[in-house]
Amino acid sequence: MARQQHGTLLRSEPCTVTVTQDSVRITWTIRPVVFLPLAHRQGVELPACAYDFKPHATD
């Protein structure tokens, strides 16, 4: 990634990156994201549907 895109993302601004190979051109739009912390669930009852979840067995 070029310095310009890196700086743009550090400022929380979207940017684009384009790659060209022969006659194929691919453009990505990069947008920064903010991950919010998960809510603290200690002492809080789960909704009834949470107990309906059955994880799939792993092979």
C-alpha atoms as a PDB file:
ATOM      1  CA  MET A   1       0.000   0.000   0.000  1.00  0.00           C
ATOM      2  CA  ALA A   2       1.318   3.395  -0.919  1.00  0.00           C
ATOM      3  CA  ARG A   3       2.044   6.052   1.682  1.00  0.00           C
ATOM      4  CA  GLN A   4      -0.845   8.156   0.414  1.00  0.00           C
ATOM      5  CA  GLN A   5      -3.406   5.392   1.101  1.00  0.00           C
ATOM      6  CA  HIS A   6      -1.806   4.634   4.450  1.00  0.00           C
ATOM      7  CA  GLY A   7      -2.060   8.264   5.541  1.00  0.00           C
ATOM      8  CA  THR A   8      -5.630   8.511   4.277  1.00  0.00           C
ATOM      9  CA  LEU A   9      -6.688   5.502   6.327  1.00  0.00           C
ATOM     10  CA  LEU A  10      -4.919   6.844   9.407  1.00  0.00           C
ATOM     11  CA  ARG A  11      -7.100   9.953   9.041  1.00  0.00           C
ATOM     12  CA  SER A  12     -10.175   7.638   8.933  1.00  0.00           C
ATOM     13  CA  GLU A  13     -10.916   8.501   5.303  1.00  0.00           C
ATOM     14  CA  PRO A  14     -11.761   5.996   2.537  1.00  0.00           C
ATOM     15  CA  CYS A  15      -9.399   5.525  -0.400  1.00  0.00           C
ATOM     16  CA  THR A  16      -9.022   3.352  -3.491  1.00  0.00           C
ATOM     17  CA  VAL A  17      -6.269   1.047  -4.693  1.00  0.00           C
ATOM     18  CA  THR A  18      -6.064  -0.060  -8.328  1.00  0.00           C
ATOM     19  CA  VAL A  19      -3.999  -2.936  -9.692  1.00  0.00           C
ATOM     20  CA  THR A  20      -3.570  -3.535 -13.426  1.00  0.00           C
ATOM     21  CA  GLN A  21      -2.188  -6.740 -14.933  1.00  0.00           C
ATOM     22  CA  ASP A  22      -2.219  -7.038 -18.734  1.00  0.00           C
ATOM     23  CA  SER A  23      -5.798  -6.097 -19.705  1.00  0.00           C
ATOM     24  CA  VAL A  24      -7.304  -6.729 -16.258  1.00  0.00           C
ATOM     25  CA  ARG A  25      -7.831  -3.802 -13.902  1.00  0.00           C
ATOM     26  CA  ILE A  26      -9.077  -4.320 -10.331  1.00  0.00           C
ATOM     27  CA  THR A  27     -10.012  -1.437  -8.041  1.00  0.00           C
ATOM     28  CA  TRP A  28     -10.656  -1.806  -4.322  1.00  0.00           C
ATOM     29  CA  THR A  29     -12.333   0.790  -2.186  1.00  0.00           C
ATOM     30  CA  ILE A  30     -10.894   0.703   1.311  1.00  0.00           C
ATOM     31  CA  ARG A  31     -12.924   2.126   4.155  1.00  0.00           C
ATOM     32  CA  PRO A  32     -11.742   2.306   7.753  1.00  0.00           C
ATOM     33  CA  VAL A  33     -13.872   0.576  10.363  1.00  0.00           C
ATOM     34  CA  VAL A  34     -14.323   1.076  14.065  1.00  0.00           C
ATOM     35  CA  PHE A  35     -14.879  -2.036  16.142  1.00  0.00           C
ATOM     36  CA  LEU A  36     -17.090  -1.435  19.131  1.00  0.00           C
ATOM     37  CA  PRO A  37     -16.472  -3.428  22.315  1.00  0.00           C
ATOM     38  CA  LEU A  38     -18.923  -6.200  23.080  1.00  0.00           C
ATOM     39  CA  ALA A  39     -21.467  -5.548  25.803  1.00  0.00           C
ATOM     40  CA  HIS A  40     -20.715  -7.002  29.201  1.00  0.00           C
ATOM     41  CA  ARG A  41     -23.243  -9.803  29.769  1.00  0.00           C
ATOM     42  CA  GLN A  42     -22.429 -10.881  33.317  1.00  0.00           C
ATOM     43  CA  GLY A  43     -25.588 -11.033  35.396  1.00  0.00           C
ATOM     44  CA  VAL A  44     -27.799 -10.506  32.336  1.00  0.00           C
ATOM     45  CA  GLU A  45     -30.123 -13.292  31.226  1.00  0.00           C
ATOM     46  CA  LEU A  46     -29.769 -14.366  27.626  1.00  0.00           C
ATOM     47  CA  PRO A  47     -32.797 -14.239  25.321  1.00  0.00           C
ATOM     48  CA  ALA A  48     -34.664 -17.548  24.897  1.00  0.00           C
ATOM     49  CA  CYS A  49     -33.477 -17.948  21.288  1.00  0.00           C
ATOM     50  CA  ALA A  50     -29.844 -18.154  22.497  1.00  0.00           C
ATOM     51  CA  TYR A  51     -30.551 -21.623  23.900  1.00  0.00           C
ATOM     52  CA  ASP A  52     -31.881 -22.859  20.533  1.00  0.00           C
ATOM     53  CA  PHE A  53     -28.399 -22.589  18.991  1.00  0.00           C
ATOM     54  CA  LYS A  54     -26.750 -25.959  18.425  1.00  0.00           C
ATOM     55  CA  PRO A  55     -23.141 -25.740  17.193  1.00  0.00           C
ATOM     56  CA  HIS A  56     -22.163 -28.026  14.309  1.00  0.00           C
ATOM     57  CA  ALA A  57     -19.807 -30.866  15.105  1.00  0.00           C
ATOM     58  CA  THR A  58     -16.279 -30.325  13.787  1.00  0.00           C
ATOM     59  CA  ASP A  59     -14.573 -33.016  11.737  1.00  0.00           C
END
